[in-house]
């Protein structure tokens, strides 16, 4: 099995199959990270697609280290670009039809609880938890990706995970 650095070197020489293998290996991590950063599957998928497009264009700049940290750093920058460009626009449509709420299945309910819990974190905590826990980056890799000090990333992860535990704790378990 070829290593990520070997595949990246081949991709930098124009080998599309090597880059496709890198995409296959890392797409779940990048999509998951982007979806959790945005809170939206479609917006997250758009950012993931932009991430891999940028990675293909910049593959020659990959200088070693873990490829997952490099690609997640690109994902982070793509997220920041989208966030800077978008401004929330809230419109109220008085003619909108009210659709009754349907109770989601237990699995959907769990996903909604996690999404709600992530939304309650500060943005810095959410970013660090998503990168280190969900995307599997080390604290050092997350610090390099965000440009934040290592200690700051560690404290955001610790506080964010603790806040998630408190929010997701079932009252009957206490």
N, C-alpha and C. Protein backbone atom coordinates (compact mmCIF):
# COMPACT_ATOMS: atom_id res chain seq x y z
N UNK A 1 0.85 -1.18 0.00
CA UNK A 1 0.00 0.00 0.00
C UNK A 1 0.90 1.24 0.00
N UNK A 2 0.61 2.15 -0.88
CA UNK A 2 1.42 3.37 -1.02
C UNK A 2 1.06 4.38 0.07
N UNK A 3 2.06 5.13 0.50
CA UNK A 3 1.85 6.12 1.55
C UNK A 3 1.26 7.40 0.95
N UNK A 4 0.67 8.21 1.81
CA UNK A 4 0.12 9.49 1.36
C UNK A 4 1.19 10.38 0.74
N UNK A 5 2.38 10.51 1.35
CA UNK A 5 3.41 11.35 0.73
C UNK A 5 3.81 10.86 -0.67
N UNK A 6 3.87 9.54 -0.86
CA UNK A 6 4.19 9.00 -2.19
C UNK A 6 3.10 9.36 -3.20
N UNK A 7 1.86 9.20 -2.78
CA UNK A 7 0.74 9.53 -3.66
C UNK A 7 0.72 11.03 -3.97
N UNK A 8 1.00 11.85 -2.97
CA UNK A 8 1.02 13.30 -3.17
C UNK A 8 2.12 13.69 -4.16
N UNK A 9 3.28 13.04 -4.04
CA UNK A 9 4.38 13.33 -4.98
C UNK A 9 3.98 12.96 -6.40
N UNK A 10 3.32 11.81 -6.56
CA UNK A 10 2.85 11.41 -7.89
C UNK A 10 1.77 12.38 -8.41
N UNK A 11 0.89 12.79 -7.52
CA UNK A 11 -0.16 13.73 -7.91
C UNK A 11 0.44 15.06 -8.34
N UNK A 12 1.50 15.48 -7.66
CA UNK A 12 2.17 16.74 -8.01
C UNK A 12 2.78 16.66 -9.41
N UNK A 13 3.09 15.45 -9.86
CA UNK A 13 3.61 15.25 -11.23
C UNK A 13 2.48 15.05 -12.24
N UNK A 14 1.23 15.24 -11.78
CA UNK A 14 0.09 15.18 -12.68
C UNK A 14 -0.66 13.86 -12.71
N UNK A 15 -0.34 12.93 -11.82
CA UNK A 15 -0.99 11.63 -11.78
C UNK A 15 -2.36 11.77 -11.10
N UNK A 16 -3.42 11.80 -11.90
CA UNK A 16 -4.77 11.98 -11.35
C UNK A 16 -5.22 10.79 -10.53
N UNK A 17 -4.79 9.58 -10.89
CA UNK A 17 -5.16 8.38 -10.14
C UNK A 17 -4.59 8.44 -8.72
N UNK A 18 -3.39 8.96 -8.57
CA UNK A 18 -2.79 9.09 -7.24
C UNK A 18 -3.59 10.09 -6.40
N UNK A 19 -4.00 11.18 -7.01
CA UNK A 19 -4.80 12.16 -6.27
C UNK A 19 -6.17 11.57 -5.93
N UNK A 20 -6.75 10.82 -6.86
CA UNK A 20 -8.05 10.18 -6.59
C UNK A 20 -7.96 9.25 -5.39
N UNK A 21 -6.84 8.56 -5.24
CA UNK A 21 -6.64 7.69 -4.08
C UNK A 21 -6.56 8.51 -2.80
N UNK A 22 -5.89 9.65 -2.85
CA UNK A 22 -5.84 10.54 -1.68
C UNK A 22 -7.24 11.03 -1.31
N UNK A 23 -8.02 11.38 -2.32
CA UNK A 23 -9.40 11.83 -2.07
C UNK A 23 -10.18 10.69 -1.41
N UNK A 24 -10.06 9.48 -1.96
CA UNK A 24 -10.77 8.32 -1.40
C UNK A 24 -10.40 8.11 0.07
N UNK A 25 -9.14 8.24 0.39
CA UNK A 25 -8.68 8.02 1.76
C UNK A 25 -9.15 9.09 2.74
N UNK A 26 -9.27 10.32 2.27
CA UNK A 26 -9.49 11.43 3.20
C UNK A 26 -10.85 12.13 3.06
N UNK A 27 -11.68 11.69 2.11
CA UNK A 27 -12.92 12.42 1.89
C UNK A 27 -13.89 12.34 3.07
N UNK A 28 -13.98 11.20 3.74
CA UNK A 28 -14.90 11.10 4.87
C UNK A 28 -14.50 12.06 5.99
N UNK A 29 -13.21 12.13 6.27
CA UNK A 29 -12.71 13.02 7.32
C UNK A 29 -12.99 14.48 6.96
N UNK A 30 -12.69 14.86 5.73
CA UNK A 30 -12.88 16.26 5.31
C UNK A 30 -14.36 16.61 5.28
N UNK A 31 -15.19 15.72 4.73
CA UNK A 31 -16.64 16.00 4.70
C UNK A 31 -17.20 16.11 6.10
N UNK A 32 -16.81 15.19 6.98
CA UNK A 32 -17.30 15.25 8.35
C UNK A 32 -16.89 16.52 9.05
N UNK A 33 -15.65 16.91 8.86
CA UNK A 33 -15.16 18.14 9.47
C UNK A 33 -15.92 19.35 8.94
N UNK A 34 -16.07 19.43 7.63
CA UNK A 34 -16.76 20.57 7.02
C UNK A 34 -18.23 20.61 7.43
N UNK A 35 -18.88 19.46 7.49
CA UNK A 35 -20.29 19.43 7.89
C UNK A 35 -20.45 19.88 9.33
N UNK A 36 -19.53 19.47 10.19
CA UNK A 36 -19.65 19.88 11.59
C UNK A 36 -19.30 21.35 11.79
N UNK A 37 -18.37 21.86 11.01
CA UNK A 37 -18.04 23.28 11.12
C UNK A 37 -19.21 24.15 10.68
N UNK A 38 -19.90 23.74 9.62
CA UNK A 38 -20.99 24.54 9.08
C UNK A 38 -22.33 24.24 9.73
N UNK A 39 -22.47 23.02 10.26
CA UNK A 39 -23.77 22.61 10.80
C UNK A 39 -24.75 22.22 9.71
N UNK A 40 -24.27 22.05 8.50
CA UNK A 40 -25.14 21.75 7.36
C UNK A 40 -24.46 20.74 6.44
N UNK A 41 -25.21 19.72 6.05
CA UNK A 41 -24.64 18.71 5.15
C UNK A 41 -24.31 19.31 3.78
N UNK A 42 -25.22 20.08 3.22
CA UNK A 42 -24.97 20.62 1.88
C UNK A 42 -23.85 21.65 1.88
N UNK A 43 -23.84 22.54 2.85
CA UNK A 43 -22.76 23.54 2.93
C UNK A 43 -21.43 22.85 3.21
N UNK A 44 -21.45 21.83 4.06
CA UNK A 44 -20.24 21.08 4.36
C UNK A 44 -19.71 20.36 3.13
N UNK A 45 -20.61 19.78 2.36
CA UNK A 45 -20.19 19.09 1.14
C UNK A 45 -19.59 20.07 0.13
N UNK A 46 -20.16 21.26 0.05
CA UNK A 46 -19.61 22.28 -0.85
C UNK A 46 -18.18 22.66 -0.42
N UNK A 47 -17.99 22.81 0.88
CA UNK A 47 -16.66 23.16 1.38
C UNK A 47 -15.69 22.00 1.14
N UNK A 48 -16.14 20.77 1.33
CA UNK A 48 -15.28 19.61 1.09
C UNK A 48 -14.86 19.56 -0.38
N UNK A 49 -15.80 19.82 -1.27
CA UNK A 49 -15.48 19.82 -2.70
C UNK A 49 -14.46 20.92 -3.01
N UNK A 50 -14.67 22.09 -2.46
CA UNK A 50 -13.73 23.20 -2.68
C UNK A 50 -12.36 22.86 -2.09
N UNK A 51 -12.36 22.14 -0.97
CA UNK A 51 -11.11 21.72 -0.34
C UNK A 51 -10.29 20.85 -1.27
N UNK A 52 -10.92 19.86 -1.87
CA UNK A 52 -10.18 18.95 -2.74
C UNK A 52 -9.79 19.61 -4.06
N UNK A 53 -10.59 20.54 -4.52
CA UNK A 53 -10.21 21.29 -5.71
C UNK A 53 -8.96 22.13 -5.42
N UNK A 54 -8.96 22.81 -4.29
CA UNK A 54 -7.79 23.60 -3.90
C UNK A 54 -6.58 22.70 -3.68
N UNK A 55 -6.81 21.56 -3.05
CA UNK A 55 -5.70 20.62 -2.81
C UNK A 55 -5.08 20.16 -4.13
N UNK A 56 -5.91 19.88 -5.12
CA UNK A 56 -5.39 19.46 -6.43
C UNK A 56 -4.56 20.58 -7.04
N UNK A 57 -5.05 21.81 -6.93
CA UNK A 57 -4.33 22.95 -7.49
C UNK A 57 -3.03 23.23 -6.75
N UNK A 58 -2.98 22.92 -5.45
CA UNK A 58 -1.83 23.26 -4.61
C UNK A 58 -1.02 22.04 -4.18
N UNK A 59 -1.26 20.88 -4.79
CA UNK A 59 -0.61 19.65 -4.34
C UNK A 59 0.91 19.76 -4.35
N UNK A 60 1.45 20.55 -5.23
CA UNK A 60 2.91 20.71 -5.29
C UNK A 60 3.46 21.41 -4.04
N UNK A 61 2.60 22.09 -3.27
CA UNK A 61 3.06 22.78 -2.07
C UNK A 61 3.09 21.87 -0.85
N UNK A 62 2.54 20.67 -0.98
CA UNK A 62 2.59 19.72 0.14
C UNK A 62 4.04 19.36 0.39
N UNK A 63 4.51 19.64 1.61
CA UNK A 63 5.93 19.48 1.91
C UNK A 63 6.19 18.40 2.94
N UNK A 64 5.33 17.42 3.03
CA UNK A 64 5.52 16.35 3.99
C UNK A 64 4.66 16.56 5.22
N UNK A 65 4.93 15.79 6.24
CA UNK A 65 4.05 15.81 7.40
C UNK A 65 2.84 14.95 7.09
N UNK A 66 1.86 14.98 7.97
CA UNK A 66 0.69 14.15 7.70
C UNK A 66 -0.19 14.83 6.66
N UNK A 67 -0.61 14.05 5.68
CA UNK A 67 -1.45 14.59 4.63
C UNK A 67 -2.79 15.02 5.20
N UNK A 68 -3.30 14.27 6.19
CA UNK A 68 -4.59 14.63 6.78
C UNK A 68 -4.55 16.01 7.42
N UNK A 69 -3.44 16.36 8.06
CA UNK A 69 -3.32 17.70 8.65
C UNK A 69 -3.29 18.76 7.55
N UNK A 70 -2.58 18.47 6.47
CA UNK A 70 -2.48 19.42 5.35
C UNK A 70 -3.85 19.64 4.72
N UNK A 71 -4.59 18.57 4.48
CA UNK A 71 -5.90 18.70 3.82
C UNK A 71 -6.92 19.34 4.77
N UNK A 72 -6.83 19.04 6.07
CA UNK A 72 -7.74 19.66 7.03
C UNK A 72 -7.45 21.16 7.19
N UNK A 73 -6.20 21.55 7.05
CA UNK A 73 -5.86 22.97 7.09
C UNK A 73 -6.49 23.69 5.90
N UNK A 74 -6.48 23.04 4.75
CA UNK A 74 -7.14 23.63 3.57
C UNK A 74 -8.63 23.73 3.82
N UNK A 75 -9.23 22.69 4.38
CA UNK A 75 -10.66 22.70 4.70
C UNK A 75 -10.99 23.85 5.64
N UNK A 76 -10.17 24.06 6.64
CA UNK A 76 -10.37 25.15 7.59
C UNK A 76 -10.36 26.50 6.87
N UNK A 77 -9.39 26.69 5.98
CA UNK A 77 -9.31 27.96 5.25
C UNK A 77 -10.51 28.14 4.32
N UNK A 78 -10.96 27.06 3.69
CA UNK A 78 -12.14 27.15 2.83
C UNK A 78 -13.37 27.53 3.66
N UNK A 79 -13.49 26.94 4.84
CA UNK A 79 -14.60 27.28 5.73
C UNK A 79 -14.56 28.76 6.10
N UNK A 80 -13.37 29.26 6.45
CA UNK A 80 -13.24 30.67 6.82
C UNK A 80 -13.63 31.58 5.66
N UNK A 81 -13.23 31.22 4.43
CA UNK A 81 -13.59 32.03 3.27
C UNK A 81 -15.09 32.08 3.07
N UNK A 82 -15.75 30.95 3.20
CA UNK A 82 -17.20 30.91 3.03
C UNK A 82 -17.88 31.71 4.13
N UNK A 83 -17.41 31.57 5.35
CA UNK A 83 -18.01 32.30 6.47
C UNK A 83 -17.87 33.81 6.29
N UNK A 84 -16.72 34.24 5.78
CA UNK A 84 -16.51 35.68 5.58
C UNK A 84 -17.44 36.23 4.50
N UNK A 85 -17.72 35.42 3.50
CA UNK A 85 -18.53 35.89 2.37
C UNK A 85 -20.02 35.88 2.65
N UNK A 86 -20.45 35.02 3.56
CA UNK A 86 -21.90 34.88 3.80
C UNK A 86 -22.33 35.74 4.96
N UNK A 87 -23.43 36.38 4.75
CA UNK A 87 -24.07 37.15 5.81
C UNK A 87 -25.46 36.57 5.98
N UNK A 88 -25.84 36.30 7.21
CA UNK A 88 -27.17 35.71 7.39
C UNK A 88 -28.26 36.69 6.96
N UNK A 89 -29.13 36.22 6.11
CA UNK A 89 -30.26 37.02 5.67
C UNK A 89 -31.53 36.33 6.15
N UNK A 90 -32.27 37.01 7.00
CA UNK A 90 -33.48 36.44 7.55
C UNK A 90 -34.66 37.19 6.95
N UNK A 91 -35.50 36.42 6.31
CA UNK A 91 -36.71 36.99 5.73
C UNK A 91 -37.90 36.26 6.32
N UNK A 92 -38.94 37.00 6.57
CA UNK A 92 -40.14 36.40 7.10
C UNK A 92 -41.20 36.39 6.00
N UNK A 93 -41.67 35.22 5.69
CA UNK A 93 -42.68 35.06 4.65
C UNK A 93 -44.03 34.82 5.32
N UNK A 94 -44.90 35.82 5.29
CA UNK A 94 -46.19 35.71 5.96
C UNK A 94 -47.12 34.71 5.28
N UNK A 95 -46.83 34.37 4.05
CA UNK A 95 -47.69 33.43 3.32
C UNK A 95 -47.20 31.99 3.44
N UNK A 96 -46.14 31.77 4.22
CA UNK A 96 -45.58 30.43 4.33
C UNK A 96 -46.55 29.48 5.00
N UNK A 97 -46.56 28.26 4.50
CA UNK A 97 -47.43 27.23 5.07
C UNK A 97 -46.72 26.61 6.28
N UNK A 98 -47.48 26.37 7.32
CA UNK A 98 -46.91 25.75 8.51
C UNK A 98 -47.01 24.24 8.35
N UNK A 99 -45.86 23.59 8.44
CA UNK A 99 -45.80 22.14 8.28
C UNK A 99 -45.66 21.52 9.66
N UNK A 100 -46.51 20.56 10.01
CA UNK A 100 -46.41 19.97 11.35
C UNK A 100 -45.09 19.22 11.53
N UNK A 101 -44.59 19.27 12.75
CA UNK A 101 -43.32 18.63 13.09
C UNK A 101 -43.54 17.13 13.24
N UNK A 102 -42.67 16.34 12.61
CA UNK A 102 -42.73 14.89 12.76
C UNK A 102 -41.55 14.46 13.62
N UNK A 103 -41.82 13.60 14.55
CA UNK A 103 -40.78 13.11 15.47
C UNK A 103 -39.77 12.27 14.70
N UNK A 104 -38.47 12.62 14.76
CA UNK A 104 -37.45 11.84 14.06
C UNK A 104 -37.20 10.51 14.76
N UNK A 105 -36.57 9.60 14.05
CA UNK A 105 -36.21 8.31 14.64
C UNK A 105 -35.15 8.54 15.72
N UNK A 106 -34.90 7.51 16.54
CA UNK A 106 -33.91 7.63 17.62
C UNK A 106 -32.54 8.00 17.10
N UNK A 107 -32.12 7.39 15.97
CA UNK A 107 -30.80 7.69 15.41
C UNK A 107 -30.73 9.14 14.96
N UNK A 108 -31.77 9.62 14.29
CA UNK A 108 -31.80 11.02 13.88
C UNK A 108 -31.83 11.92 15.11
N UNK A 109 -32.54 11.48 16.14
CA UNK A 109 -32.63 12.25 17.38
C UNK A 109 -31.25 12.41 18.00
N UNK A 110 -30.45 11.32 18.00
CA UNK A 110 -29.09 11.39 18.54
C UNK A 110 -28.23 12.36 17.75
N UNK A 111 -28.36 12.32 16.41
CA UNK A 111 -27.59 13.24 15.57
C UNK A 111 -27.99 14.69 15.85
N UNK A 112 -29.30 14.90 16.02
CA UNK A 112 -29.77 16.25 16.31
C UNK A 112 -29.24 16.71 17.66
N UNK A 113 -29.20 15.80 18.66
CA UNK A 113 -28.67 16.18 19.97
C UNK A 113 -27.21 16.58 19.85
N UNK A 114 -26.41 15.81 19.09
CA UNK A 114 -25.00 16.14 18.93
C UNK A 114 -24.86 17.47 18.18
N UNK A 115 -25.65 17.67 17.14
CA UNK A 115 -25.59 18.93 16.41
C UNK A 115 -25.94 20.10 17.31
N UNK A 116 -26.99 19.94 18.10
CA UNK A 116 -27.38 21.00 19.03
C UNK A 116 -26.29 21.25 20.07
N UNK A 117 -25.67 20.18 20.55
CA UNK A 117 -24.61 20.32 21.55
C UNK A 117 -23.41 21.04 20.95
N UNK A 118 -23.04 20.70 19.71
CA UNK A 118 -21.92 21.39 19.05
C UNK A 118 -22.23 22.87 18.86
N UNK A 119 -23.49 23.19 18.56
CA UNK A 119 -23.87 24.59 18.36
C UNK A 119 -23.76 25.40 19.64
N UNK A 120 -23.86 24.75 20.79
CA UNK A 120 -23.78 25.45 22.07
C UNK A 120 -22.35 25.80 22.47
N UNK A 121 -21.37 25.15 21.83
CA UNK A 121 -19.98 25.45 22.13
C UNK A 121 -19.60 26.80 21.54
N UNK A 122 -18.57 27.42 22.09
CA UNK A 122 -18.05 28.61 21.43
C UNK A 122 -17.48 28.17 20.09
N UNK A 123 -17.34 29.10 19.18
CA UNK A 123 -16.82 28.73 17.86
C UNK A 123 -15.43 28.11 17.95
N UNK A 124 -14.58 28.67 18.78
CA UNK A 124 -13.22 28.13 18.92
C UNK A 124 -13.25 26.72 19.49
N UNK A 125 -14.11 26.47 20.47
CA UNK A 125 -14.22 25.12 21.02
C UNK A 125 -14.73 24.15 19.97
N UNK A 126 -15.76 24.56 19.23
CA UNK A 126 -16.34 23.70 18.19
C UNK A 126 -15.29 23.35 17.14
N UNK A 127 -14.53 24.34 16.69
CA UNK A 127 -13.50 24.11 15.68
C UNK A 127 -12.47 23.11 16.20
N UNK A 128 -11.99 23.31 17.41
CA UNK A 128 -10.95 22.43 17.96
C UNK A 128 -11.48 21.03 18.22
N UNK A 129 -12.70 20.91 18.72
CA UNK A 129 -13.29 19.59 18.95
C UNK A 129 -13.50 18.86 17.63
N UNK A 130 -14.01 19.57 16.63
CA UNK A 130 -14.23 18.95 15.32
C UNK A 130 -12.91 18.48 14.73
N UNK A 131 -11.88 19.32 14.79
CA UNK A 131 -10.59 18.94 14.21
C UNK A 131 -9.93 17.78 14.96
N UNK A 132 -9.92 17.86 16.29
CA UNK A 132 -9.17 16.87 17.07
C UNK A 132 -9.96 15.60 17.37
N UNK A 133 -11.25 15.74 17.62
CA UNK A 133 -12.03 14.56 17.99
C UNK A 133 -12.68 13.95 16.75
N UNK A 134 -13.37 14.77 15.98
CA UNK A 134 -14.09 14.23 14.82
C UNK A 134 -13.17 13.92 13.65
N UNK A 135 -12.25 14.83 13.33
CA UNK A 135 -11.37 14.62 12.18
C UNK A 135 -10.11 13.84 12.56
N UNK A 136 -9.84 13.69 13.85
CA UNK A 136 -8.73 12.87 14.29
C UNK A 136 -7.35 13.51 14.20
N UNK A 137 -7.31 14.83 14.10
CA UNK A 137 -6.00 15.49 14.08
C UNK A 137 -5.43 15.55 15.48
N UNK A 138 -4.12 15.59 15.58
CA UNK A 138 -3.49 15.79 16.88
C UNK A 138 -3.66 17.27 17.25
N UNK A 139 -3.42 17.57 18.50
CA UNK A 139 -3.51 18.97 18.93
C UNK A 139 -2.52 19.83 18.13
N UNK A 140 -1.33 19.31 17.91
CA UNK A 140 -0.31 20.04 17.17
C UNK A 140 -0.77 20.29 15.72
N UNK A 141 -1.35 19.28 15.09
CA UNK A 141 -1.83 19.44 13.71
C UNK A 141 -2.96 20.46 13.64
N UNK A 142 -3.86 20.44 14.62
CA UNK A 142 -4.95 21.42 14.65
C UNK A 142 -4.39 22.82 14.87
N UNK A 143 -3.37 22.94 15.71
CA UNK A 143 -2.75 24.24 15.95
C UNK A 143 -2.10 24.77 14.67
N UNK A 144 -1.45 23.89 13.94
CA UNK A 144 -0.84 24.30 12.67
C UNK A 144 -1.90 24.70 11.65
N UNK A 145 -3.01 23.95 11.62
CA UNK A 145 -4.07 24.24 10.66
C UNK A 145 -4.74 25.58 10.93
N UNK A 146 -4.99 25.88 12.21
CA UNK A 146 -5.69 27.12 12.56
C UNK A 146 -4.77 28.30 12.74
N UNK A 147 -3.50 28.03 13.03
CA UNK A 147 -2.56 29.10 13.33
C UNK A 147 -2.65 29.55 14.78
N UNK A 148 -3.37 28.79 15.62
CA UNK A 148 -3.52 29.12 17.03
C UNK A 148 -2.41 28.43 17.83
N UNK A 149 -2.06 28.97 19.00
CA UNK A 149 -1.05 28.32 19.84
C UNK A 149 -1.52 26.94 20.31
N UNK A 150 -0.57 26.03 20.48
CA UNK A 150 -0.87 24.67 20.88
C UNK A 150 -1.67 24.61 22.18
N UNK A 151 -1.27 25.39 23.17
CA UNK A 151 -1.97 25.40 24.45
C UNK A 151 -3.42 25.86 24.32
N UNK A 152 -3.66 26.80 23.43
CA UNK A 152 -5.01 27.29 23.19
C UNK A 152 -5.88 26.18 22.61
N UNK A 153 -5.34 25.46 21.64
CA UNK A 153 -6.08 24.35 21.04
C UNK A 153 -6.40 23.29 22.10
N UNK A 154 -5.41 22.94 22.91
CA UNK A 154 -5.62 21.94 23.95
C UNK A 154 -6.72 22.36 24.91
N UNK A 155 -6.69 23.61 25.34
CA UNK A 155 -7.71 24.07 26.30
C UNK A 155 -9.10 24.12 25.66
N UNK A 156 -9.18 24.51 24.39
CA UNK A 156 -10.48 24.53 23.71
C UNK A 156 -11.04 23.11 23.57
N UNK A 157 -10.18 22.15 23.25
CA UNK A 157 -10.63 20.76 23.15
C UNK A 157 -11.12 20.26 24.50
N UNK A 158 -10.34 20.49 25.53
CA UNK A 158 -10.72 20.02 26.87
C UNK A 158 -12.04 20.63 27.32
N UNK A 159 -12.15 21.93 27.19
CA UNK A 159 -13.40 22.61 27.61
C UNK A 159 -14.58 22.22 26.73
N UNK A 160 -14.32 22.09 25.43
CA UNK A 160 -15.39 21.71 24.51
C UNK A 160 -15.91 20.31 24.76
N UNK A 161 -15.02 19.36 24.97
CA UNK A 161 -15.43 17.98 25.25
C UNK A 161 -16.20 17.91 26.56
N UNK A 162 -15.74 18.63 27.56
CA UNK A 162 -16.44 18.65 28.85
C UNK A 162 -17.84 19.25 28.69
N UNK A 163 -17.96 20.31 27.91
CA UNK A 163 -19.27 20.93 27.68
C UNK A 163 -20.18 19.97 26.92
N UNK A 164 -19.63 19.24 25.96
CA UNK A 164 -20.43 18.25 25.22
C UNK A 164 -20.92 17.15 26.16
N UNK A 165 -20.04 16.67 27.03
CA UNK A 165 -20.44 15.63 27.99
C UNK A 165 -21.59 16.10 28.86
N UNK A 166 -21.49 17.33 29.36
CA UNK A 166 -22.55 17.85 30.22
C UNK A 166 -23.86 17.99 29.44
N UNK A 167 -23.77 18.49 28.22
CA UNK A 167 -24.98 18.70 27.44
C UNK A 167 -25.63 17.39 27.03
N UNK A 168 -24.81 16.41 26.72
CA UNK A 168 -25.36 15.14 26.22
C UNK A 168 -25.68 14.14 27.33
N UNK A 169 -25.31 14.46 28.58
CA UNK A 169 -25.60 13.56 29.70
C UNK A 169 -27.09 13.42 29.86
N UNK A 170 -27.51 12.19 30.01
CA UNK A 170 -28.95 11.94 30.23
C UNK A 170 -29.28 12.21 31.70
N UNK A 171 -30.34 12.95 31.98
CA UNK A 171 -30.66 13.29 33.37
C UNK A 171 -30.89 12.06 34.24
N UNK A 172 -31.43 10.98 33.67
CA UNK A 172 -31.70 9.80 34.47
C UNK A 172 -30.45 9.02 34.84
N UNK A 173 -29.29 9.33 34.18
CA UNK A 173 -28.04 8.64 34.48
C UNK A 173 -27.38 9.22 35.73
N UNK A 174 -27.58 10.51 35.99
CA UNK A 174 -26.94 11.19 37.11
C UNK A 174 -27.36 10.58 38.39
